Amino acid sequence: MDNPEERAMIKFKVNMKGLEQGKKLTKGAMKQVLKRSMLKMEEIAVLNAPFDKGILRGQITLFPQILAERYVLYSKAPYSEALEFGNKPHYAPIEPLIK
């Protein structure tokens, strides 16, 4: 063992017993974290939505898509997208203003 390469080598053994069970537990925990995170996002979206008549707040919904293992946070209010992302500038017609 006078060779420096032999002294630097590390030997180890990995026990793979229970690996599949660990994967299942981890996947289950990740699903719970995702679900709780999305529920919190829905709560925050509702709380931060502008409020006039309450239509927008009432239309914000979380849809779990079980088979795809994902969630969709969505609003059915027709003006949701414009409120979230804005819209192109638009101008009033000039003729009625001149009259």
PDB file of N, CA and C in Angstrom:
ATOM      1  N   MET A   1       0.810  -1.197   0.000  1.00  0.00           N
ATOM      2  CA  MET A   1       0.000   0.000   0.000  1.00  0.00           C
ATOM      3  C   MET A   1       0.847   1.251   0.000  1.00  0.00           C
ATOM      4  N   ASP A   2       2.002   1.194  -0.517  1.00  0.00           N
ATOM      5  CA  ASP A   2       2.830   2.384  -0.601  1.00  0.00           C
ATOM      6  C   ASP A   2       2.450   3.247  -1.786  1.00  0.00           C
ATOM      7  N   ASN A   3       1.639   2.724  -2.674  1.00  0.00           N
ATOM      8  CA  ASN A   3       1.207   3.471  -3.845  1.00  0.00           C
ATOM      9  C   ASN A   3       0.195   4.533  -3.403  1.00  0.00           C
ATOM     10  N   PRO A   4       0.419   5.846  -3.719  1.00  0.00           N
ATOM     11  CA  PRO A   4      -0.502   6.905  -3.298  1.00  0.00           C
ATOM     12  C   PRO A   4      -1.903   6.735  -3.876  1.00  0.00           C
ATOM     13  N   GLU A   5      -2.009   6.166  -5.071  1.00  0.00           N
ATOM     14  CA  GLU A   5      -3.326   5.955  -5.676  1.00  0.00           C
ATOM     15  C   GLU A   5      -4.149   4.951  -4.870  1.00  0.00           C
ATOM     16  N   GLU A   6      -3.507   3.918  -4.343  1.00  0.00           N
ATOM     17  CA  GLU A   6      -4.208   2.921  -3.538  1.00  0.00           C
ATOM     18  C   GLU A   6      -4.672   3.521  -2.224  1.00  0.00           C
ATOM     19  N   ARG A   7      -3.902   4.423  -1.642  1.00  0.00           N
ATOM     20  CA  ARG A   7      -4.275   5.046  -0.376  1.00  0.00           C
ATOM     21  C   ARG A   7      -5.453   6.001  -0.560  1.00  0.00           C
ATOM     22  N   ALA A   8      -5.565   6.620  -1.732  1.00  0.00           N
ATOM     23  CA  ALA A   8      -6.626   7.592  -1.979  1.00  0.00           C
ATOM     24  C   ALA A   8      -7.939   6.933  -2.364  1.00  0.00           C
ATOM     25  N   MET A   9      -7.893   5.658  -2.701  1.00  0.00           N
ATOM     26  CA  MET A   9      -9.123   4.978  -3.101  1.00  0.00           C
ATOM     27  C   MET A   9     -10.036   4.776  -1.904  1.00  0.00           C
ATOM     28  N   ILE A  10     -11.315   4.973  -2.156  1.00  0.00           N
ATOM     29  CA  ILE A  10     -12.311   4.746  -1.115  1.00  0.00           C
ATOM     30  C   ILE A  10     -13.214   3.639  -1.599  1.00  0.00           C
ATOM     31  N   LYS A  11     -13.429   2.671  -0.762  1.00  0.00           N
ATOM     32  CA  LYS A  11     -14.318   1.578  -1.104  1.00  0.00           C
ATOM     33  C   LYS A  11     -15.601   1.751  -0.295  1.00  0.00           C
ATOM     34  N   PHE A  12     -16.726   1.528  -0.973  1.00  0.00           N
ATOM     35  CA  PHE A  12     -17.998   1.608  -0.261  1.00  0.00           C
ATOM     36  C   PHE A  12     -18.973   0.620  -0.875  1.00  0.00           C
ATOM     37  N   LYS A  13     -20.001   0.332  -0.121  1.00  0.00           N
ATOM     38  CA  LYS A  13     -21.022  -0.606  -0.551  1.00  0.00           C
ATOM     39  C   LYS A  13     -22.375   0.071  -0.352  1.00  0.00           C
ATOM     40  N   VAL A  14     -23.222  -0.015  -1.357  1.00  0.00           N
ATOM     41  CA  VAL A  14     -24.532   0.603  -1.289  1.00  0.00           C
ATOM     42  C   VAL A  14     -25.584  -0.487  -1.165  1.00  0.00           C
ATOM     43  N   ASN A  15     -26.443  -0.342  -0.172  1.00  0.00           N
ATOM     44  CA  ASN A  15     -27.528  -1.288   0.018  1.00  0.00           C
ATOM     45  C   ASN A  15     -28.762  -0.721  -0.670  1.00  0.00           C
ATOM     46  N   MET A  16     -29.258  -1.385  -1.684  1.00  0.00           N
ATOM     47  CA  MET A  16     -30.388  -0.903  -2.473  1.00  0.00           C
ATOM     48  C   MET A  16     -31.727  -1.400  -1.926  1.00  0.00           C
ATOM     49  N   LYS A  17     -31.711  -2.054  -0.812  1.00  0.00           N
ATOM     50  CA  LYS A  17     -32.923  -2.604  -0.223  1.00  0.00           C
ATOM     51  C   LYS A  17     -33.871  -1.446   0.142  1.00  0.00           C
ATOM     52  N   GLY A  18     -35.107  -1.543  -0.262  1.00  0.00           N
ATOM     53  CA  GLY A  18     -36.096  -0.518   0.074  1.00  0.00           C
ATOM     54  C   GLY A  18     -36.090   0.685  -0.857  1.00  0.00           C
ATOM     55  N   LEU A  19     -35.348   0.622  -1.950  1.00  0.00           N
ATOM     56  CA  LEU A  19     -35.256   1.753  -2.871  1.00  0.00           C
ATOM     57  C   LEU A  19     -36.607   2.060  -3.511  1.00  0.00           C
ATOM     58  N   GLU A  20     -37.319   1.036  -3.942  1.00  0.00           N
ATOM     59  CA  GLU A  20     -38.624   1.243  -4.574  1.00  0.00           C
ATOM     60  C   GLU A  20     -39.619   1.863  -3.599  1.00  0.00           C
ATOM     61  N   GLN A  21     -39.598   1.389  -2.366  1.00  0.00           N
ATOM     62  CA  GLN A  21     -40.494   1.953  -1.353  1.00  0.00           C
ATOM     63  C   GLN A  21     -40.135   3.423  -1.097  1.00  0.00           C
ATOM     64  N   GLY A  22     -38.857   3.724  -1.082  1.00  0.00           N
ATOM     65  CA  GLY A  22     -38.404   5.106  -0.905  1.00  0.00           C
ATOM     66  C   GLY A  22     -38.863   6.002  -2.044  1.00  0.00           C
ATOM     67  N   LYS A  23     -38.828   5.478  -3.264  1.00  0.00           N
ATOM     68  CA  LYS A  23     -39.306   6.233  -4.428  1.00  0.00           C
ATOM     69  C   LYS A  23     -40.791   6.553  -4.291  1.00  0.00           C
ATOM     70  N   LYS A  24     -41.574   5.555  -3.871  1.00  0.00           N
ATOM     71  CA  LYS A  24     -43.017   5.754  -3.711  1.00  0.00           C
ATOM     72  C   LYS A  24     -43.304   6.796  -2.631  1.00  0.00           C
ATOM     73  N   LEU A  25     -42.592   6.709  -1.513  1.00  0.00           N
ATOM     74  CA  LEU A  25     -42.789   7.673  -0.427  1.00  0.00           C
ATOM     75  C   LEU A  25     -42.414   9.084  -0.875  1.00  0.00           C
ATOM     76  N   THR A  26     -41.318   9.195  -1.607  1.00  0.00           N
ATOM     77  CA  THR A  26     -40.870  10.499  -2.095  1.00  0.00           C
ATOM     78  C   THR A  26     -41.881  11.078  -3.075  1.00  0.00           C
ATOM     79  N   LYS A  27     -42.376  10.249  -3.988  1.00  0.00           N
ATOM     80  CA  LYS A  27     -43.357  10.719  -4.965  1.00  0.00           C
ATOM     81  C   LYS A  27     -44.639  11.166  -4.263  1.00  0.00           C
ATOM     82  N   GLY A  28     -45.077  10.422  -3.266  1.00  0.00           N
ATOM     83  CA  GLY A  28     -46.271  10.794  -2.509  1.00  0.00           C
ATOM     84  C   GLY A  28     -46.070  12.121  -1.783  1.00  0.00           C
ATOM     85  N   ALA A  29     -44.896  12.309  -1.198  1.00  0.00           N
ATOM     86  CA  ALA A  29     -44.606  13.569  -0.501  1.00  0.00           C
ATOM     87  C   ALA A  29     -44.557  14.731  -1.480  1.00  0.00           C
ATOM     88  N   MET A  30     -43.988  14.509  -2.656  1.00  0.00           N
ATOM     89  CA  MET A  30     -43.913  15.571  -3.667  1.00  0.00           C
ATOM     90  C   MET A  30     -45.317  15.969  -4.125  1.00  0.00           C
ATOM     91  N   LYS A  31     -46.212  14.995  -4.261  1.00  0.00           N
ATOM     92  CA  LYS A  31     -47.591  15.298  -4.660  1.00  0.00           C
ATOM     93  C   LYS A  31     -48.277  16.166  -3.604  1.00  0.00           C
ATOM     94  N   GLN A  32     -48.024  15.853  -2.333  1.00  0.00           N
ATOM     95  CA  GLN A  32     -48.610  16.644  -1.251  1.00  0.00           C
ATOM     96  C   GLN A  32     -48.069  18.072  -1.249  1.00  0.00           C
ATOM     97  N   VAL A  33     -46.776  18.224  -1.485  1.00  0.00           N
ATOM     98  CA  VAL A  33     -46.176  19.561  -1.551  1.00  0.00           C
ATOM     99  C   VAL A  33     -46.772  20.345  -2.712  1.00  0.00           C
ATOM    100  N   LEU A  34     -46.921  19.703  -3.862  1.00  0.00           N
ATOM    101  CA  LEU A  34     -47.512  20.364  -5.029  1.00  0.00           C
ATOM    102  C   LEU A  34     -48.941  20.793  -4.733  1.00  0.00           C
ATOM    103  N   LYS A  35     -49.730  19.889  -4.143  1.00  0.00           N
ATOM    104  CA  LYS A  35     -51.127  20.201  -3.842  1.00  0.00           C
ATOM    105  C   LYS A  35     -51.230  21.382  -2.880  1.00  0.00           C
ATOM    106  N   ARG A  36     -50.459  21.359  -1.821  1.00  0.00           N
ATOM    107  CA  ARG A  36     -50.500  22.453  -0.844  1.00  0.00           C
ATOM    108  C   ARG A  36     -50.023  23.768  -1.450  1.00  0.00           C
ATOM    109  N   SER A  37     -49.004  23.700  -2.282  1.00  0.00           N
ATOM    110  CA  SER A  37     -48.495  24.908  -2.944  1.00  0.00           C
ATOM    111  C   SER A  37     -49.544  25.512  -3.862  1.00  0.00           C
ATOM    112  N   MET A  38     -50.219  24.666  -4.618  1.00  0.00           N
ATOM    113  CA  MET A  38     -51.233  25.164  -5.542  1.00  0.00           C
ATOM    114  C   MET A  38     -52.445  25.719  -4.793  1.00  0.00           C
ATOM    115  N   LEU A  39     -52.831  25.106  -3.692  1.00  0.00           N
ATOM    116  CA  LEU A  39     -53.926  25.646  -2.885  1.00  0.00           C
ATOM    117  C   LEU A  39     -53.560  27.020  -2.334  1.00  0.00           C
ATOM    118  N   LYS A  40     -52.302  27.176  -1.930  1.00  0.00           N
ATOM    119  CA  LYS A  40     -51.843  28.481  -1.433  1.00  0.00           C
ATOM    120  C   LYS A  40     -51.826  29.501  -2.565  1.00  0.00           C
ATOM    121  N   MET A  41     -51.405  29.090  -3.763  1.00  0.00           N
ATOM    122  CA  MET A  41     -51.406  30.005  -4.912  1.00  0.00           C
ATOM    123  C   MET A  41     -52.823  30.460  -5.229  1.00  0.00           C
ATOM    124  N   GLU A  42     -53.793  29.543  -5.141  1.00  0.00           N
ATOM    125  CA  GLU A  42     -55.184  29.918  -5.384  1.00  0.00           C
ATOM    126  C   GLU A  42     -55.639  30.949  -4.353  1.00  0.00           C
ATOM    127  N   GLU A  43     -55.298  30.701  -3.104  1.00  0.00           N
ATOM    128  CA  GLU A  43     -55.670  31.629  -2.029  1.00  0.00           C
ATOM    129  C   GLU A  43     -55.066  33.018  -2.264  1.00  0.00           C
ATOM    130  N   ILE A  44     -53.804  33.067  -2.643  1.00  0.00           N
ATOM    131  CA  ILE A  44     -53.132  34.342  -2.893  1.00  0.00           C
ATOM    132  C   ILE A  44     -53.732  35.046  -4.106  1.00  0.00           C
ATOM    133  N   ALA A  45     -54.050  34.281  -5.154  1.00  0.00           N
ATOM    134  CA  ALA A  45     -54.655  34.873  -6.354  1.00  0.00           C
ATOM    135  C   ALA A  45     -55.997  35.510  -6.021  1.00  0.00           C
ATOM    136  N   VAL A  46     -56.791  34.833  -5.226  1.00  0.00           N
ATOM    137  CA  VAL A  46     -58.108  35.373  -4.844  1.00  0.00           C
ATOM    138  C   VAL A  46     -57.930  36.625  -3.993  1.00  0.00           C
ATOM    139  N   LEU A  47     -57.021  36.577  -3.033  1.00  0.00           N
ATOM    140  CA  LEU A  47     -56.812  37.736  -2.156  1.00  0.00           C
ATOM    141  C   LEU A  47     -56.266  38.955  -2.897  1.00  0.00           C
ATOM    142  N   ASN A  48     -55.427  38.726  -3.899  1.00  0.00           N
ATOM    143  CA  ASN A  48     -54.801  39.837  -4.624  1.00  0.00           C
ATOM    144  C   ASN A  48     -55.574  40.295  -5.856  1.00  0.00           C
ATOM    145  N   ALA A  49     -56.651  39.604  -6.184  1.00  0.00           N
ATOM    146  CA  ALA A  49     -57.445  39.998  -7.352  1.00  0.00           C
ATOM    147  C   ALA A  49     -58.136  41.329  -7.062  1.00  0.00           C
ATOM    148  N   PRO A  50     -58.166  42.232  -8.050  1.00  0.00           N
ATOM    149  CA  PRO A  50     -58.890  43.488  -7.856  1.00  0.00           C
ATOM    150  C   PRO A  50     -60.353  43.192  -7.526  1.00  0.00           C
ATOM    151  N   PHE A  51     -60.929  44.033  -6.683  1.00  0.00           N
ATOM    152  CA  PHE A  51     -62.289  43.768  -6.219  1.00  0.00           C
ATOM    153  C   PHE A  51     -63.186  44.961  -6.514  1.00  0.00           C
ATOM    154  N   ASP A  52     -64.215  44.714  -7.299  1.00  0.00           N
ATOM    155  CA  ASP A  52     -65.243  45.726  -7.517  1.00  0.00           C
ATOM    156  C   ASP A  52     -66.580  45.065  -7.185  1.00  0.00           C
ATOM    157  N   LYS A  53     -66.997  44.164  -8.029  1.00  0.00           N
ATOM    158  CA  LYS A  53     -68.243  43.435  -7.787  1.00  0.00           C
ATOM    159  C   LYS A  53     -67.974  42.008  -7.320  1.00  0.00           C
ATOM    160  N   GLY A  54     -66.726  41.607  -7.287  1.00  0.00           N
ATOM    161  CA  GLY A  54     -66.374  40.264  -6.825  1.00  0.00           C
ATOM    162  C   GLY A  54     -66.452  39.194  -7.891  1.00  0.00           C
ATOM    163  N   ILE A  55     -66.687  39.600  -9.140  1.00  0.00           N
ATOM    164  CA  ILE A  55     -66.815  38.606 -10.215  1.00  0.00           C
ATOM    165  C   ILE A  55     -65.492  37.879 -10.431  1.00  0.00           C
ATOM    166  N   LEU A  56     -64.402  38.624 -10.536  1.00  0.00           N
ATOM    167  CA  LEU A  56     -63.100  38.004 -10.789  1.00  0.00           C
ATOM    168  C   LEU A  56     -62.714  37.064  -9.655  1.00  0.00           C
ATOM    169  N   ARG A  57     -62.838  37.518  -8.419  1.00  0.00           N
ATOM    170  CA  ARG A  57     -62.478  36.669  -7.280  1.00  0.00           C
ATOM    171  C   ARG A  57     -63.304  35.384  -7.254  1.00  0.00           C
ATOM    172  N   GLY A  58     -64.552  35.483  -7.631  1.00  0.00           N
ATOM    173  CA  GLY A  58     -65.422  34.312  -7.625  1.00  0.00           C
ATOM    174  C   GLY A  58     -65.144  33.331  -8.754  1.00  0.00           C
ATOM    175  N   GLN A  59     -64.421  33.780  -9.771  1.00  0.00           N
ATOM    176  CA  GLN A  59     -64.160  32.934 -10.936  1.00  0.00           C
ATOM    177  C   GLN A  59     -62.798  32.239 -10.885  1.00  0.00           C
ATOM    178  N   ILE A  60     -61.956  32.576  -9.929  1.00  0.00           N
ATOM    179  CA  ILE A  60     -60.627  31.941  -9.827  1.00  0.00           C
ATOM    180  C   ILE A  60     -60.802  30.544  -9.242  1.00  0.00           C
ATOM    181  N   THR A  61     -60.330  29.551  -9.983  1.00  0.00           N
ATOM    182  CA  THR A  61     -60.543  28.147  -9.607  1.00  0.00           C
ATOM    183  C   THR A  61     -59.281  27.337  -9.854  1.00  0.00           C
ATOM    184  N   LEU A  62     -59.076  26.354  -9.006  1.00  0.00           N
ATOM    185  CA  LEU A  62     -57.952  25.436  -9.159  1.00  0.00           C
ATOM    186  C   LEU A  62     -58.499  24.109  -9.656  1.00  0.00           C
ATOM    187  N   PHE A  63     -57.955  23.632 -10.778  1.00  0.00           N
ATOM    188  CA  PHE A  63     -58.379  22.367 -11.364  1.00  0.00           C
ATOM    189  C   PHE A  63     -57.264  21.337 -11.222  1.00  0.00           C
ATOM    190  N   PRO A  64     -57.459  20.311 -10.395  1.00  0.00           N
ATOM    191  CA  PRO A  64     -56.460  19.237 -10.369  1.00  0.00           C
ATOM    192  C   PRO A  64     -56.640  18.335 -11.575  1.00  0.00           C
ATOM    193  N   GLN A  65     -55.553  18.006 -12.211  1.00  0.00           N
ATOM    194  CA  GLN A  65     -55.583  17.054 -13.327  1.00  0.00           C
ATOM    195  C   GLN A  65     -54.845  15.805 -12.859  1.00  0.00           C
ATOM    196  N   ILE A  66     -55.600  14.923 -12.276  1.00  0.00           N
ATOM    197  CA  ILE A  66     -55.065  13.771 -11.551  1.00  0.00           C
ATOM    198  C   ILE A  66     -54.146  12.908 -12.409  1.00  0.00           C
ATOM    199  N   LEU A  67     -54.582  12.528 -13.588  1.00  0.00           N
ATOM    200  CA  LEU A  67     -53.770  11.625 -14.410  1.00  0.00           C
ATOM    201  C   LEU A  67     -52.471  12.283 -14.852  1.00  0.00           C
ATOM    202  N   ALA A  68     -52.504  13.589 -15.095  1.00  0.00           N
ATOM    203  CA  ALA A  68     -51.302  14.289 -15.537  1.00  0.00           C
ATOM    204  C   ALA A  68     -50.460  14.742 -14.356  1.00  0.00           C
ATOM    205  N   GLU A  69     -50.986  14.561 -13.139  1.00  0.00           N
ATOM    206  CA  GLU A  69     -50.285  14.969 -11.917  1.00  0.00           C
ATOM    207  C   GLU A  69     -49.884  16.434 -11.965  1.00  0.00           C
ATOM    208  N   ARG A  70     -50.852  17.294 -12.330  1.00  0.00           N
ATOM    209  CA  ARG A  70     -50.602  18.725 -12.347  1.00  0.00           C
ATOM    210  C   ARG A  70     -51.893  19.457 -12.018  1.00  0.00           C
ATOM    211  N   TYR A  71     -51.770  20.752 -11.807  1.00  0.00           N
ATOM    212  CA  TYR A  71     -52.910  21.589 -11.475  1.00  0.00           C
ATOM    213  C   TYR A  71     -52.944  22.771 -12.431  1.00  0.00           C
ATOM    214  N   VAL A  72     -54.139  23.274 -12.679  1.00  0.00           N
ATOM    215  CA  VAL A  72     -54.300  24.457 -13.509  1.00  0.00           C
ATOM    216  C   VAL A  72     -55.067  25.481 -12.683  1.00  0.00           C
ATOM    217  N   LEU A  73     -54.465  26.657 -12.496  1.00  0.00           N
ATOM    218  CA  LEU A  73     -55.111  27.763 -11.800  1.00  0.00           C
ATOM    219  C   LEU A  73     -55.693  28.656 -12.877  1.00  0.00           C
ATOM    220  N   TYR A  74     -57.018  28.855 -12.850  1.00  0.00           N
ATOM    221  CA  TYR A  74     -57.709  29.433 -13.980  1.00  0.00           C
ATOM    222  C   TYR A  74     -58.801  30.376 -13.493  1.00  0.00           C
ATOM    223  N   SER A  75     -59.111  31.377 -14.306  1.00  0.00           N
ATOM    224  CA  SER A  75     -60.242  32.256 -14.037  1.00  0.00           C
ATOM    225  C   SER A  75     -61.135  32.303 -15.264  1.00  0.00           C
ATOM    226  N   LYS A  76     -62.442  32.129 -15.047  1.00  0.00           N
ATOM    227  CA  LYS A  76     -63.387  32.149 -16.151  1.00  0.00           C
ATOM    228  C   LYS A  76     -63.897  33.558 -16.458  1.00  0.00           C
ATOM    229  N   ALA A  77     -63.527  34.551 -15.664  1.00  0.00           N
ATOM    230  CA  ALA A  77     -63.980  35.920 -15.929  1.00  0.00           C
ATOM    231  C   ALA A  77     -63.436  36.353 -17.291  1.00  0.00           C
ATOM    232  N   PRO A  78     -64.260  36.934 -18.147  1.00  0.00           N
ATOM    233  CA  PRO A  78     -63.843  37.251 -19.515  1.00  0.00           C
ATOM    234  C   PRO A  78     -62.700  38.259 -19.605  1.00  0.00           C
ATOM    235  N   TYR A  79     -62.503  39.047 -18.582  1.00  0.00           N
ATOM    236  CA  TYR A  79     -61.456  40.075 -18.619  1.00  0.00           C
ATOM    237  C   TYR A  79     -60.215  39.682 -17.818  1.00  0.00           C
ATOM    238  N   SER A  80     -60.129  38.431 -17.372  1.00  0.00           N
ATOM    239  CA  SER A  80     -59.005  37.978 -16.548  1.00  0.00           C
ATOM    240  C   SER A  80     -57.659  38.152 -17.241  1.00  0.00           C
ATOM    241  N   GLU A  81     -57.591  37.723 -18.490  1.00  0.00           N
ATOM    242  CA  GLU A  81     -56.318  37.777 -19.221  1.00  0.00           C
ATOM    243  C   GLU A  81     -55.858  39.221 -19.406  1.00  0.00           C
ATOM    244  N   ALA A  82     -56.774  40.111 -19.775  1.00  0.00           N
ATOM    245  CA  ALA A  82     -56.410  41.518 -19.963  1.00  0.00           C
ATOM    246  C   ALA A  82     -55.942  42.134 -18.649  1.00  0.00           C
ATOM    247  N   LEU A  83     -56.566  41.747 -17.548  1.00  0.00           N
ATOM    248  CA  LEU A  83     -56.176  42.282 -16.252  1.00  0.00           C
ATOM    249  C   LEU A  83     -54.801  41.770 -15.847  1.00  0.00           C
ATOM    250  N   GLU A  84     -54.530  40.513 -16.124  1.00  0.00           N
ATOM    251  CA  GLU A  84     -53.252  39.907 -15.719  1.00  0.00           C
ATOM    252  C   GLU A  84     -52.099  40.358 -16.596  1.00  0.00           C
ATOM    253  N   PHE A  85     -52.318  40.383 -17.916  1.00  0.00           N
ATOM    254  CA  PHE A  85     -51.212  40.625 -18.843  1.00  0.00           C
ATOM    255  C   PHE A  85     -51.293  41.972 -19.553  1.00  0.00           C
ATOM    256  N   GLY A  86     -52.394  42.702 -19.363  1.00  0.00           N
ATOM    257  CA  GLY A  86     -52.562  43.971 -20.065  1.00  0.00           C
ATOM    258  C   GLY A  86     -53.093  43.729 -21.466  1.00  0.00           C
ATOM    259  N   ASN A  87     -53.320  44.828 -22.190  1.00  0.00           N
ATOM    260  CA  ASN A  87     -53.785  44.710 -23.575  1.00  0.00           C
ATOM    261  C   ASN A  87     -53.182  45.833 -24.404  1.00  0.00           C
ATOM    262  N   LYS A  88     -53.392  45.757 -25.702  1.00  0.00           N
ATOM    263  CA  LYS A  88     -52.830  46.760 -26.605  1.00  0.00           C
ATOM    264  C   LYS A  88     -53.497  48.106 -26.340  1.00  0.00           C
ATOM    265  N   PRO A  89     -52.784  49.197 -26.568  1.00  0.00           N
ATOM    266  CA  PRO A  89     -53.421  50.506 -26.421  1.00  0.00           C
ATOM    267  C   PRO A  89     -54.576  50.627 -27.414  1.00  0.00           C
ATOM    268  N   HIS A  90     -55.624  51.253 -26.985  1.00  0.00           N
ATOM    269  CA  HIS A  90     -56.748  51.491 -27.872  1.00  0.00           C
ATOM    270  C   HIS A  90     -57.272  52.903 -27.599  1.00  0.00           C
ATOM    271  N   TYR A  91     -57.839  53.479 -28.594  1.00  0.00           N
ATOM    272  CA  TYR A  91     -58.259  54.867 -28.514  1.00  0.00           C
ATOM    273  C   TYR A  91     -59.742  54.992 -28.836  1.00  0.00           C
ATOM    274  N   ALA A  92     -60.371  55.948 -28.217  1.00  0.00           N
ATOM    275  CA  ALA A  92     -61.785  56.210 -28.491  1.00  0.00           C
ATOM    276  C   ALA A  92     -61.917  56.797 -29.888  1.00  0.00           C
ATOM    277  N   PRO A  93     -63.033  56.518 -30.566  1.00  0.00           N
ATOM    278  CA  PRO A  93     -63.242  57.115 -31.898  1.00  0.00           C
ATOM    279  C   PRO A  93     -63.322  58.645 -31.770  1.00  0.00           C
ATOM    280  N   ILE A  94     -62.672  59.339 -32.667  1.00  0.00           N
ATOM    281  CA  ILE A  94     -62.545  60.786 -32.573  1.00  0.00           C
ATOM    282  C   ILE A  94     -63.829  61.536 -32.961  1.00  0.00           C
ATOM    283  N   GLU A  95     -64.639  60.981 -33.876  1.00  0.00           N
ATOM    284  CA  GLU A  95     -65.820  61.691 -34.358  1.00  0.00           C
ATOM    285  C   GLU A  95     -66.797  62.092 -33.248  1.00  0.00           C
ATOM    286  N   PRO A  96     -67.178  61.173 -32.353  1.00  0.00           N
ATOM    287  CA  PRO A  96     -68.096  61.586 -31.282  1.00  0.00           C
ATOM    288  C   PRO A  96     -67.486  62.654 -30.361  1.00  0.00           C
ATOM    289  N   LEU A  97     -66.195  62.619 -30.215  1.00  0.00           N
ATOM    290  CA  LEU A  97     -65.530  63.624 -29.368  1.00  0.00           C
ATOM    291  C   LEU A  97     -65.532  65.003 -30.016  1.00  0.00           C
ATOM    292  N   ILE A  98     -65.413  65.049 -31.324  1.00  0.00           N
ATOM    293  CA  ILE A  98     -65.426  66.339 -32.055  1.00  0.00           C
ATOM    294  C   ILE A  98     -66.808  66.958 -31.957  1.00  0.00           C
ATOM    295  N   LYS A  99     -67.860  66.143 -32.090  1.00  0.00           N
ATOM    296  CA  LYS A  99     -69.241  66.656 -32.024  1.00  0.00           C
ATOM    297  C   LYS A  99     -69.501  67.183 -30.639  1.00  0.00           C
TER     298      LYS A  99
END
